[in-house]
């Protein structure tokens, strides 16, 4: 089954959801701002993405610029920050089986689900 980590206010995330909906495959939507990921869930997702926490941080968000920019943070610290501040997680993220992609560009979603 496909799972999309979705932010309803983000146009790229809505575009990703449309791709998933049009795939005709069974899927689940997780609005991660309303249902934040646990540390274990985020670690599992990062493993499927084959990415480090620093690679999924939205660095242009004000909260990042005001509180965390220019800090030398390790992976564990970044994971805690992302769990506590889910708006800093890049979006959308789509997961299928043992793989996941950040849907930027949206063609990455198509590659994963087809």
PDB file of N, CA and C in Angstrom:
ATOM      1  N   UNK A   1       0.828  -1.182   0.000  1.00  0.00           N
ATOM      2  CA  UNK A   1       0.000   0.000   0.000  1.00  0.00           C
ATOM      3  C   UNK A   1       0.877   1.251   0.000  1.00  0.00           C
ATOM      4  N   UNK A   2       0.375   2.291  -0.613  1.00  0.00           N
ATOM      5  CA  UNK A   2       1.072   3.584  -0.681  1.00  0.00           C
ATOM      6  C   UNK A   2       0.654   4.419   0.525  1.00  0.00           C
ATOM      7  N   UNK A   3       1.609   5.158   1.071  1.00  0.00           N
ATOM      8  CA  UNK A   3       1.304   6.127   2.117  1.00  0.00           C
ATOM      9  C   UNK A   3       1.909   7.453   1.701  1.00  0.00           C
ATOM     10  N   UNK A   4       1.107   8.516   1.806  1.00  0.00           N
ATOM     11  CA  UNK A   4       1.617   9.854   1.510  1.00  0.00           C
ATOM     12  C   UNK A   4       1.575  10.681   2.789  1.00  0.00           C
ATOM     13  N   UNK A   5       2.696  11.294   3.085  1.00  0.00           N
ATOM     14  CA  UNK A   5       2.807  12.224   4.208  1.00  0.00           C
ATOM     15  C   UNK A   5       2.496  13.595   3.623  1.00  0.00           C
ATOM     16  N   UNK A   6       1.355  14.122   4.007  1.00  0.00           N
ATOM     17  CA  UNK A   6       0.717  15.212   3.283  1.00  0.00           C
ATOM     18  C   UNK A   6       0.493  16.438   4.163  1.00  0.00           C
ATOM     19  N   UNK A   7       0.676  17.609   3.535  1.00  0.00           N
ATOM     20  CA  UNK A   7       0.335  18.891   4.147  1.00  0.00           C
ATOM     21  C   UNK A   7      -0.687  19.540   3.228  1.00  0.00           C
ATOM     22  N   UNK A   8      -1.905  19.664   3.695  1.00  0.00           N
ATOM     23  CA  UNK A   8      -3.000  20.175   2.855  1.00  0.00           C
ATOM     24  C   UNK A   8      -2.754  21.595   2.357  1.00  0.00           C
ATOM     25  N   UNK A   9      -1.934  22.372   3.049  1.00  0.00           N
ATOM     26  CA  UNK A   9      -1.700  23.763   2.657  1.00  0.00           C
ATOM     27  C   UNK A   9      -0.605  23.918   1.606  1.00  0.00           C
ATOM     28  N   UNK A  10       0.060  22.835   1.253  1.00  0.00           N
ATOM     29  CA  UNK A  10       1.189  22.887   0.322  1.00  0.00           C
ATOM     30  C   UNK A  10       0.748  22.455  -1.077  1.00  0.00           C
ATOM     31  N   UNK A  11       0.982  23.291  -2.067  1.00  0.00           N
ATOM     32  CA  UNK A  11       0.567  22.961  -3.440  1.00  0.00           C
ATOM     33  C   UNK A  11       1.311  21.738  -3.976  1.00  0.00           C
ATOM     34  N   UNK A  12       2.590  21.607  -3.660  1.00  0.00           N
ATOM     35  CA  UNK A  12       3.351  20.432  -4.122  1.00  0.00           C
ATOM     36  C   UNK A  12       2.821  19.152  -3.472  1.00  0.00           C
ATOM     37  N   UNK A  13       2.406  19.255  -2.231  1.00  0.00           N
ATOM     38  CA  UNK A  13       1.850  18.102  -1.540  1.00  0.00           C
ATOM     39  C   UNK A  13       0.487  17.735  -2.138  1.00  0.00           C
ATOM     40  N   UNK A  14      -0.329  18.734  -2.444  1.00  0.00           N
ATOM     41  CA  UNK A  14      -1.629  18.468  -3.087  1.00  0.00           C
ATOM     42  C   UNK A  14      -1.421  17.846  -4.470  1.00  0.00           C
ATOM     43  N   UNK A  15      -0.417  18.307  -5.194  1.00  0.00           N
ATOM     44  CA  UNK A  15      -0.079  17.734  -6.497  1.00  0.00           C
ATOM     45  C   UNK A  15       0.336  16.270  -6.341  1.00  0.00           C
ATOM     46  N   UNK A  16       1.129  15.991  -5.323  1.00  0.00           N
ATOM     47  CA  UNK A  16       1.550  14.614  -5.053  1.00  0.00           C
ATOM     48  C   UNK A  16       0.374  13.724  -4.701  1.00  0.00           C
ATOM     49  N   UNK A  17      -0.557  14.242  -3.912  1.00  0.00           N
ATOM     50  CA  UNK A  17      -1.745  13.478  -3.543  1.00  0.00           C
ATOM     51  C   UNK A  17      -2.579  13.156  -4.770  1.00  0.00           C
ATOM     52  N   UNK A  18      -2.682  14.095  -5.681  1.00  0.00           N
ATOM     53  CA  UNK A  18      -3.441  13.865  -6.912  1.00  0.00           C
ATOM     54  C   UNK A  18      -2.815  12.721  -7.729  1.00  0.00           C
ATOM     55  N   UNK A  19      -1.503  12.692  -7.807  1.00  0.00           N
ATOM     56  CA  UNK A  19      -0.812  11.610  -8.525  1.00  0.00           C
ATOM     57  C   UNK A  19      -1.131  10.263  -7.871  1.00  0.00           C
ATOM     58  N   UNK A  20      -1.074  10.230  -6.552  1.00  0.00           N
ATOM     59  CA  UNK A  20      -1.362   8.991  -5.827  1.00  0.00           C
ATOM     60  C   UNK A  20      -2.816   8.577  -6.043  1.00  0.00           C
ATOM     61  N   UNK A  21      -3.735   9.534  -5.950  1.00  0.00           N
ATOM     62  CA  UNK A  21      -5.154   9.232  -6.158  1.00  0.00           C
ATOM     63  C   UNK A  21      -5.406   8.680  -7.562  1.00  0.00           C
ATOM     64  N   UNK A  22      -4.757   9.266  -8.556  1.00  0.00           N
ATOM     65  CA  UNK A  22      -4.962   8.860  -9.947  1.00  0.00           C
ATOM     66  C   UNK A  22      -4.274   7.542 -10.297  1.00  0.00           C
ATOM     67  N   UNK A  23      -3.448   7.024  -9.392  1.00  0.00           N
ATOM     68  CA  UNK A  23      -2.734   5.775  -9.673  1.00  0.00           C
ATOM     69  C   UNK A  23      -3.664   4.566  -9.654  1.00  0.00           C
ATOM     70  N   UNK A  24      -4.809   4.705  -9.017  1.00  0.00           N
ATOM     71  CA  UNK A  24      -5.738   3.588  -8.903  1.00  0.00           C
ATOM     72  C   UNK A  24      -5.319   2.565  -7.854  1.00  0.00           C
ATOM     73  N   UNK A  25      -4.242   2.842  -7.139  1.00  0.00           N
ATOM     74  CA  UNK A  25      -3.745   1.927  -6.111  1.00  0.00           C
ATOM     75  C   UNK A  25      -4.293   2.339  -4.741  1.00  0.00           C
ATOM     76  N   UNK A  26      -4.311   1.368  -3.851  1.00  0.00           N
ATOM     77  CA  UNK A  26      -4.764   1.631  -2.492  1.00  0.00           C
ATOM     78  C   UNK A  26      -3.734   2.534  -1.808  1.00  0.00           C
ATOM     79  N   UNK A  27      -4.227   3.528  -1.066  1.00  0.00           N
ATOM     80  CA  UNK A  27      -3.306   4.437  -0.398  1.00  0.00           C
ATOM     81  C   UNK A  27      -3.891   4.947   0.907  1.00  0.00           C
ATOM     82  N   UNK A  28      -2.993   5.496   1.701  1.00  0.00           N
ATOM     83  CA  UNK A  28      -3.345   6.093   2.981  1.00  0.00           C
ATOM     84  C   UNK A  28      -2.720   7.486   3.019  1.00  0.00           C
ATOM     85  N   UNK A  29      -3.464   8.439   3.557  1.00  0.00           N
ATOM     86  CA  UNK A  29      -2.963   9.806   3.710  1.00  0.00           C
ATOM     87  C   UNK A  29      -2.675  10.037   5.187  1.00  0.00           C
ATOM     88  N   UNK A  30      -1.486  10.524   5.456  1.00  0.00           N
ATOM     89  CA  UNK A  30      -1.152  10.921   6.824  1.00  0.00           C
ATOM     90  C   UNK A  30      -0.837  12.405   6.815  1.00  0.00           C
ATOM     91  N   UNK A  31      -1.724  13.170   7.429  1.00  0.00           N
ATOM     92  CA  UNK A  31      -1.487  14.602   7.575  1.00  0.00           C
ATOM     93  C   UNK A  31      -0.543  14.764   8.764  1.00  0.00           C
ATOM     94  N   UNK A  32       0.734  14.808   8.456  1.00  0.00           N
ATOM     95  CA  UNK A  32       1.760  14.721   9.491  1.00  0.00           C
ATOM     96  C   UNK A  32       1.837  15.944  10.395  1.00  0.00           C
ATOM     97  N   UNK A  33       1.174  17.039  10.015  1.00  0.00           N
ATOM     98  CA  UNK A  33       1.113  18.177  10.938  1.00  0.00           C
ATOM     99  C   UNK A  33       0.085  17.908  12.035  1.00  0.00           C
ATOM    100  N   UNK A  34      -0.962  17.151  11.704  1.00  0.00           N
ATOM    101  CA  UNK A  34      -1.996  16.788  12.679  1.00  0.00           C
ATOM    102  C   UNK A  34      -1.619  15.519  13.444  1.00  0.00           C
ATOM    103  N   UNK A  35      -0.905  14.613  12.767  1.00  0.00           N
ATOM    104  CA  UNK A  35      -0.447  13.354  13.363  1.00  0.00           C
ATOM    105  C   UNK A  35       1.065  13.275  13.201  1.00  0.00           C
ATOM    106  N   UNK A  36       1.812  13.970  14.053  1.00  0.00           N
ATOM    107  CA  UNK A  36       3.271  13.985  13.904  1.00  0.00           C
ATOM    108  C   UNK A  36       3.881  12.590  14.010  1.00  0.00           C
ATOM    109  N   UNK A  37       4.999  12.432  13.336  1.00  0.00           N
ATOM    110  CA  UNK A  37       5.720  11.168  13.374  1.00  0.00           C
ATOM    111  C   UNK A  37       6.466  11.041  14.698  1.00  0.00           C
ATOM    112  N   UNK A  38       6.586   9.820  15.170  1.00  0.00           N
ATOM    113  CA  UNK A  38       7.441   9.552  16.336  1.00  0.00           C
ATOM    114  C   UNK A  38       8.890   9.494  15.844  1.00  0.00           C
ATOM    115  N   UNK A  39       9.814   9.471  16.775  1.00  0.00           N
ATOM    116  CA  UNK A  39      11.220   9.359  16.384  1.00  0.00           C
ATOM    117  C   UNK A  39      11.459   8.066  15.617  1.00  0.00           C
ATOM    118  N   UNK A  40      10.881   6.964  16.092  1.00  0.00           N
ATOM    119  CA  UNK A  40      11.061   5.679  15.409  1.00  0.00           C
ATOM    120  C   UNK A  40      10.462   5.699  14.005  1.00  0.00           C
ATOM    121  N   UNK A  41       9.284   6.296  13.860  1.00  0.00           N
ATOM    122  CA  UNK A  41       8.662   6.384  12.537  1.00  0.00           C
ATOM    123  C   UNK A  41       9.521   7.205  11.587  1.00  0.00           C
ATOM    124  N   UNK A  42      10.059   8.312  12.080  1.00  0.00           N
ATOM    125  CA  UNK A  42      10.896   9.166  11.243  1.00  0.00           C
ATOM    126  C   UNK A  42      12.186   8.441  10.858  1.00  0.00           C
ATOM    127  N   UNK A  43      12.785   7.734  11.790  1.00  0.00           N
ATOM    128  CA  UNK A  43      13.995   6.974  11.485  1.00  0.00           C
ATOM    129  C   UNK A  43      13.722   5.915  10.422  1.00  0.00           C
ATOM    130  N   UNK A  44      12.599   5.230  10.536  1.00  0.00           N
ATOM    131  CA  UNK A  44      12.200   4.216   9.564  1.00  0.00           C
ATOM    132  C   UNK A  44      11.979   4.848   8.190  1.00  0.00           C
ATOM    133  N   UNK A  45      11.326   5.995   8.176  1.00  0.00           N
ATOM    134  CA  UNK A  45      11.081   6.695   6.914  1.00  0.00           C
ATOM    135  C   UNK A  45      12.393   7.157   6.283  1.00  0.00           C
ATOM    136  N   UNK A  46      13.296   7.674   7.078  1.00  0.00           N
ATOM    137  CA  UNK A  46      14.604   8.098   6.560  1.00  0.00           C
ATOM    138  C   UNK A  46      15.360   6.919   5.956  1.00  0.00           C
ATOM    139  N   UNK A  47      15.230   5.759   6.570  1.00  0.00           N
ATOM    140  CA  UNK A  47      15.881   4.562   6.038  1.00  0.00           C
ATOM    141  C   UNK A  47      15.297   4.222   4.666  1.00  0.00           C
ATOM    142  N   UNK A  48      13.972   4.303   4.532  1.00  0.00           N
ATOM    143  CA  UNK A  48      13.328   4.022   3.248  1.00  0.00           C
ATOM    144  C   UNK A  48      13.695   5.069   2.200  1.00  0.00           C
ATOM    145  N   UNK A  49      13.864   6.305   2.643  1.00  0.00           N
ATOM    146  CA  UNK A  49      14.272   7.382   1.735  1.00  0.00           C
ATOM    147  C   UNK A  49      15.749   7.258   1.346  1.00  0.00           C
ATOM    148  N   UNK A  50      16.519   6.555   2.159  1.00  0.00           N
ATOM    149  CA  UNK A  50      17.970   6.482   2.032  1.00  0.00           C
ATOM    150  C   UNK A  50      18.568   7.893   2.089  1.00  0.00           C
ATOM    151  N   UNK A  51      18.088   8.640   3.106  1.00  0.00           N
ATOM    152  CA  UNK A  51      18.533  10.016   3.304  1.00  0.00           C
ATOM    153  C   UNK A  51      18.883  10.243   4.767  1.00  0.00           C
ATOM    154  N   UNK A  52      19.680  11.275   4.969  1.00  0.00           N
ATOM    155  CA  UNK A  52      19.995  11.730   6.322  1.00  0.00           C
ATOM    156  C   UNK A  52      18.949  12.774   6.733  1.00  0.00           C
ATOM    157  N   UNK A  53      18.748  12.965   8.035  1.00  0.00           N
ATOM    158  CA  UNK A  53      17.775  13.966   8.480  1.00  0.00           C
ATOM    159  C   UNK A  53      18.012  15.348   7.866  1.00  0.00           C
ATOM    160  N   UNK A  54      19.262  15.728   7.709  1.00  0.00           N
ATOM    161  CA  UNK A  54      19.570  17.062   7.158  1.00  0.00           C
ATOM    162  C   UNK A  54      19.056  17.239   5.728  1.00  0.00           C
ATOM    163  N   UNK A  55      18.845  16.124   5.021  1.00  0.00           N
ATOM    164  CA  UNK A  55      18.402  16.204   3.624  1.00  0.00           C
ATOM    165  C   UNK A  55      16.900  16.432   3.479  1.00  0.00           C
ATOM    166  N   UNK A  56      16.145  16.313   4.557  1.00  0.00           N
ATOM    167  CA  UNK A  56      14.702  16.533   4.451  1.00  0.00           C
ATOM    168  C   UNK A  56      14.236  17.761   5.244  1.00  0.00           C
ATOM    169  N   UNK A  57      15.190  18.578   5.674  1.00  0.00           N
ATOM    170  CA  UNK A  57      14.853  19.793   6.422  1.00  0.00           C
ATOM    171  C   UNK A  57      14.496  20.921   5.463  1.00  0.00           C
ATOM    172  N   UNK A  58      13.382  21.568   5.741  1.00  0.00           N
ATOM    173  CA  UNK A  58      12.977  22.761   4.982  1.00  0.00           C
ATOM    174  C   UNK A  58      13.677  23.974   5.613  1.00  0.00           C
ATOM    175  N   UNK A  59      14.804  24.334   5.044  1.00  0.00           N
ATOM    176  CA  UNK A  59      15.667  25.362   5.637  1.00  0.00           C
ATOM    177  C   UNK A  59      15.158  26.794   5.447  1.00  0.00           C
ATOM    178  N   UNK A  60      14.159  26.980   4.611  1.00  0.00           N
ATOM    179  CA  UNK A  60      13.621  28.330   4.415  1.00  0.00           C
ATOM    180  C   UNK A  60      12.472  28.666   5.359  1.00  0.00           C
ATOM    181  N   UNK A  61      12.081  27.713   6.183  1.00  0.00           N
ATOM    182  CA  UNK A  61      11.028  27.980   7.171  1.00  0.00           C
ATOM    183  C   UNK A  61      11.572  28.916   8.248  1.00  0.00           C
ATOM    184  N   UNK A  62      10.734  29.849   8.687  1.00  0.00           N
ATOM    185  CA  UNK A  62      11.174  30.814   9.695  1.00  0.00           C
ATOM    186  C   UNK A  62      11.675  30.154  10.971  1.00  0.00           C
ATOM    187  N   UNK A  63      10.981  29.116  11.400  1.00  0.00           N
ATOM    188  CA  UNK A  63      11.392  28.449  12.642  1.00  0.00           C
ATOM    189  C   UNK A  63      12.819  27.909  12.528  1.00  0.00           C
ATOM    190  N   UNK A  64      13.186  27.422  11.345  1.00  0.00           N
ATOM    191  CA  UNK A  64      14.557  26.932  11.146  1.00  0.00           C
ATOM    192  C   UNK A  64      15.534  28.098  11.218  1.00  0.00           C
ATOM    193  N   UNK A  65      15.226  29.149  10.474  1.00  0.00           N
ATOM    194  CA  UNK A  65      16.124  30.301  10.419  1.00  0.00           C
ATOM    195  C   UNK A  65      16.298  30.942  11.795  1.00  0.00           C
ATOM    196  N   UNK A  66      15.214  31.008  12.564  1.00  0.00           N
ATOM    197  CA  UNK A  66      15.252  31.700  13.852  1.00  0.00           C
ATOM    198  C   UNK A  66      15.846  30.866  14.981  1.00  0.00           C
ATOM    199  N   UNK A  67      15.667  29.542  14.919  1.00  0.00           N
ATOM    200  CA  UNK A  67      16.059  28.724  16.065  1.00  0.00           C
ATOM    201  C   UNK A  67      17.222  27.765  15.821  1.00  0.00           C
ATOM    202  N   UNK A  68      17.414  27.339  14.559  1.00  0.00           N
ATOM    203  CA  UNK A  68      18.363  26.245  14.353  1.00  0.00           C
ATOM    204  C   UNK A  68      19.468  26.521  13.343  1.00  0.00           C
ATOM    205  N   UNK A  69      19.306  27.529  12.517  1.00  0.00           N
ATOM    206  CA  UNK A  69      20.302  27.830  11.490  1.00  0.00           C
ATOM    207  C   UNK A  69      21.664  28.075  12.138  1.00  0.00           C
ATOM    208  N   UNK A  70      22.689  27.615  11.462  1.00  0.00           N
ATOM    209  CA  UNK A  70      24.081  27.793  11.901  1.00  0.00           C
ATOM    210  C   UNK A  70      24.445  27.011  13.156  1.00  0.00           C
ATOM    211  N   UNK A  71      23.592  26.076  13.564  1.00  0.00           N
ATOM    212  CA  UNK A  71      23.952  25.199  14.675  1.00  0.00           C
ATOM    213  C   UNK A  71      24.552  23.923  14.086  1.00  0.00           C
ATOM    214  N   UNK A  72      25.509  23.379  14.772  1.00  0.00           N
ATOM    215  CA  UNK A  72      26.129  22.137  14.339  1.00  0.00           C
ATOM    216  C   UNK A  72      25.365  20.983  14.994  1.00  0.00           C
ATOM    217  N   UNK A  73      24.341  20.462  14.296  1.00  0.00           N
ATOM    218  CA  UNK A  73      23.448  19.455  14.858  1.00  0.00           C
ATOM    219  C   UNK A  73      23.757  18.076  14.296  1.00  0.00           C
ATOM    220  N   UNK A  74      23.756  17.077  15.162  1.00  0.00           N
ATOM    221  CA  UNK A  74      23.958  15.710  14.686  1.00  0.00           C
ATOM    222  C   UNK A  74      22.610  15.113  14.262  1.00  0.00           C
ATOM    223  N   UNK A  75      22.642  13.904  13.722  1.00  0.00           N
ATOM    224  CA  UNK A  75      21.426  13.277  13.204  1.00  0.00           C
ATOM    225  C   UNK A  75      20.365  13.110  14.285  1.00  0.00           C
ATOM    226  N   UNK A  76      20.757  12.677  15.466  1.00  0.00           N
ATOM    227  CA  UNK A  76      19.787  12.470  16.551  1.00  0.00           C
ATOM    228  C   UNK A  76      19.124  13.783  16.947  1.00  0.00           C
ATOM    229  N   UNK A  77      19.902  14.841  17.024  1.00  0.00           N
ATOM    230  CA  UNK A  77      19.339  16.154  17.362  1.00  0.00           C
ATOM    231  C   UNK A  77      18.379  16.624  16.269  1.00  0.00           C
ATOM    232  N   UNK A  78      18.754  16.418  15.018  1.00  0.00           N
ATOM    233  CA  UNK A  78      17.878  16.803  13.907  1.00  0.00           C
ATOM    234  C   UNK A  78      16.573  16.013  13.911  1.00  0.00           C
ATOM    235  N   UNK A  79      16.654  14.735  14.203  1.00  0.00           N
ATOM    236  CA  UNK A  79      15.442  13.914  14.261  1.00  0.00           C
ATOM    237  C   UNK A  79      14.505  14.455  15.340  1.00  0.00           C
ATOM    238  N   UNK A  80      15.034  14.773  16.496  1.00  0.00           N
ATOM    239  CA  UNK A  80      14.202  15.325  17.572  1.00  0.00           C
ATOM    240  C   UNK A  80      13.578  16.652  17.141  1.00  0.00           C
ATOM    241  N   UNK A  81      14.355  17.500  16.483  1.00  0.00           N
ATOM    242  CA  UNK A  81      13.832  18.786  16.001  1.00  0.00           C
ATOM    243  C   UNK A  81      12.711  18.562  14.995  1.00  0.00           C
ATOM    244  N   UNK A  82      12.896  17.616  14.076  1.00  0.00           N
ATOM    245  CA  UNK A  82      11.866  17.344  13.060  1.00  0.00           C
ATOM    246  C   UNK A  82      10.598  16.753  13.685  1.00  0.00           C
ATOM    247  N   UNK A  83      10.761  15.905  14.685  1.00  0.00           N
ATOM    248  CA  UNK A  83       9.591  15.340  15.377  1.00  0.00           C
ATOM    249  C   UNK A  83       8.842  16.451  16.118  1.00  0.00           C
ATOM    250  N   UNK A  84       9.581  17.329  16.763  1.00  0.00           N
ATOM    251  CA  UNK A  84       8.959  18.421  17.527  1.00  0.00           C
ATOM    252  C   UNK A  84       8.423  19.546  16.645  1.00  0.00           C
ATOM    253  N   UNK A  85       8.939  19.647  15.414  1.00  0.00           N
ATOM    254  CA  UNK A  85       8.560  20.715  14.481  1.00  0.00           C
ATOM    255  C   UNK A  85       8.292  20.109  13.106  1.00  0.00           C
ATOM    256  N   UNK A  86       7.197  19.366  12.954  1.00  0.00           N
ATOM    257  CA  UNK A  86       6.963  18.636  11.698  1.00  0.00           C
ATOM    258  C   UNK A  86       6.849  19.526  10.463  1.00  0.00           C
ATOM    259  N   UNK A  87       6.580  20.804  10.651  1.00  0.00           N
ATOM    260  CA  UNK A  87       6.521  21.711   9.500  1.00  0.00           C
ATOM    261  C   UNK A  87       7.880  21.856   8.827  1.00  0.00           C
ATOM    262  N   UNK A  88       8.935  21.406   9.493  1.00  0.00           N
ATOM    263  CA  UNK A  88      10.278  21.468   8.913  1.00  0.00           C
ATOM    264  C   UNK A  88      10.595  20.275   8.013  1.00  0.00           C
ATOM    265  N   UNK A  89       9.681  19.302   7.945  1.00  0.00           N
ATOM    266  CA  UNK A  89       9.915  18.120   7.111  1.00  0.00           C
ATOM    267  C   UNK A  89       9.515  18.418   5.675  1.00  0.00           C
ATOM    268  N   UNK A  90      10.408  18.121   4.763  1.00  0.00           N
ATOM    269  CA  UNK A  90      10.141  18.320   3.328  1.00  0.00           C
ATOM    270  C   UNK A  90       8.891  17.537   2.939  1.00  0.00           C
ATOM    271  N   UNK A  91       8.165  18.062   1.961  1.00  0.00           N
ATOM    272  CA  UNK A  91       6.903  17.439   1.562  1.00  0.00           C
ATOM    273  C   UNK A  91       6.681  17.549   0.073  1.00  0.00           C
ATOM    274  N   UNK A  92       5.863  16.648  -0.444  1.00  0.00           N
ATOM    275  CA  UNK A  92       5.312  15.470   0.207  1.00  0.00           C
ATOM    276  C   UNK A  92       6.337  14.346   0.208  1.00  0.00           C
ATOM    277  N   UNK A  93       6.133  13.410   1.106  1.00  0.00           N
ATOM    278  CA  UNK A  93       6.917  12.168   1.092  1.00  0.00           C
ATOM    279  C   UNK A  93       5.934  11.047   0.800  1.00  0.00           C
ATOM    280  N   UNK A  94       6.300  10.195  -0.141  1.00  0.00           N
ATOM    281  CA  UNK A  94       5.450   9.063  -0.510  1.00  0.00           C
ATOM    282  C   UNK A  94       6.232   7.785  -0.266  1.00  0.00           C
ATOM    283  N   UNK A  95       5.557   6.846   0.385  1.00  0.00           N
ATOM    284  CA  UNK A  95       6.178   5.580   0.778  1.00  0.00           C
ATOM    285  C   UNK A  95       5.409   4.435   0.129  1.00  0.00           C
ATOM    286  N   UNK A  96       6.140   3.480  -0.382  1.00  0.00           N
ATOM    287  CA  UNK A  96       5.530   2.266  -0.929  1.00  0.00           C
ATOM    288  C   UNK A  96       6.480   1.108  -0.651  1.00  0.00           C
ATOM    289  N   UNK A  97       5.939   0.102   0.024  1.00  0.00           N
ATOM    290  CA  UNK A  97       6.722  -1.072   0.383  1.00  0.00           C
ATOM    291  C   UNK A  97       7.957  -0.657   1.186  1.00  0.00           C
ATOM    292  N   UNK A  98       9.133  -0.935   0.666  1.00  0.00           N
ATOM    293  CA  UNK A  98      10.356  -0.664   1.423  1.00  0.00           C
ATOM    294  C   UNK A  98      11.111   0.553   0.900  1.00  0.00           C
ATOM    295  N   UNK A  99      10.422   1.385   0.116  1.00  0.00           N
ATOM    296  CA  UNK A  99      11.059   2.576  -0.445  1.00  0.00           C
ATOM    297  C   UNK A  99      10.188   3.798  -0.188  1.00  0.00           C
ATOM    298  N   UNK A 100      10.814   4.954  -0.258  1.00  0.00           N
ATOM    299  CA  UNK A 100      10.098   6.219  -0.130  1.00  0.00           C
ATOM    300  C   UNK A 100      10.843   7.273  -0.937  1.00  0.00           C
ATOM    301  N   UNK A 101      10.113   8.310  -1.341  1.00  0.00           N
ATOM    302  CA  UNK A 101      10.711   9.429  -2.075  1.00  0.00           C
ATOM    303  C   UNK A 101      10.119  10.738  -1.574  1.00  0.00           C
ATOM    304  N   UNK A 102      10.909  11.782  -1.698  1.00  0.00           N
ATOM    305  CA  UNK A 102      10.396  13.139  -1.534  1.00  0.00           C
ATOM    306  C   UNK A 102       9.842  13.514  -2.901  1.00  0.00           C
ATOM    307  N   UNK A 103       8.610  13.961  -2.945  1.00  0.00           N
ATOM    308  CA  UNK A 103       7.925  14.233  -4.209  1.00  0.00           C
ATOM    309  C   UNK A 103       8.262  15.567  -4.835  1.00  0.00           C
ATOM    310  N   UNK A 104       9.517  15.905  -4.893  1.00  0.00           N
ATOM    311  CA  UNK A 104       9.996  17.118  -5.557  1.00  0.00           C
ATOM    312  C   UNK A 104      11.164  16.733  -6.440  1.00  0.00           C
ATOM    313  N   UNK A 105      11.006  16.666  -7.700  1.00  0.00           N
ATOM    314  CA  UNK A 105       9.788  16.941  -8.469  1.00  0.00           C
ATOM    315  C   UNK A 105       8.780  15.792  -8.338  1.00  0.00           C
ATOM    316  N   UNK A 106       7.549  16.064  -8.735  1.00  0.00           N
ATOM    317  CA  UNK A 106       6.478  15.080  -8.591  1.00  0.00           C
ATOM    318  C   UNK A 106       6.719  13.824  -9.417  1.00  0.00           C
ATOM    319  N   UNK A 107       7.567  13.905 -10.426  1.00  0.00           N
ATOM    320  CA  UNK A 107       7.889  12.720 -11.225  1.00  0.00           C
ATOM    321  C   UNK A 107       8.525  11.619 -10.372  1.00  0.00           C
ATOM    322  N   UNK A 108       9.132  11.989  -9.244  1.00  0.00           N
ATOM    323  CA  UNK A 108       9.706  10.997  -8.336  1.00  0.00           C
ATOM    324  C   UNK A 108       8.612  10.089  -7.774  1.00  0.00           C
ATOM    325  N   UNK A 109       7.431  10.659  -7.529  1.00  0.00           N
ATOM    326  CA  UNK A 109       6.303   9.869  -7.039  1.00  0.00           C
ATOM    327  C   UNK A 109       5.864   8.878  -8.087  1.00  0.00           C
ATOM    328  N   UNK A 110       5.775   9.352  -9.319  1.00  0.00           N
ATOM    329  CA  UNK A 110       5.360   8.469 -10.420  1.00  0.00           C
ATOM    330  C   UNK A 110       6.324   7.295 -10.582  1.00  0.00           C
ATOM    331  N   UNK A 111       7.618   7.559 -10.469  1.00  0.00           N
ATOM    332  CA  UNK A 111       8.614   6.487 -10.582  1.00  0.00           C
ATOM    333  C   UNK A 111       8.417   5.453  -9.468  1.00  0.00           C
ATOM    334  N   UNK A 112       8.110   5.913  -8.274  1.00  0.00           N
ATOM    335  CA  UNK A 112       7.964   5.005  -7.138  1.00  0.00           C
ATOM    336  C   UNK A 112       6.713   4.141  -7.254  1.00  0.00           C
ATOM    337  N   UNK A 113       5.612   4.709  -7.676  1.00  0.00           N
ATOM    338  CA  UNK A 113       4.355   3.962  -7.618  1.00  0.00           C
ATOM    339  C   UNK A 113       4.028   3.202  -8.894  1.00  0.00           C
ATOM    340  N   UNK A 114       4.756   3.452  -9.959  1.00  0.00           N
ATOM    341  CA  UNK A 114       4.483   2.725 -11.221  1.00  0.00           C
ATOM    342  C   UNK A 114       5.418   1.555 -11.398  1.00  0.00           C
TER     343      UNK A 114
END
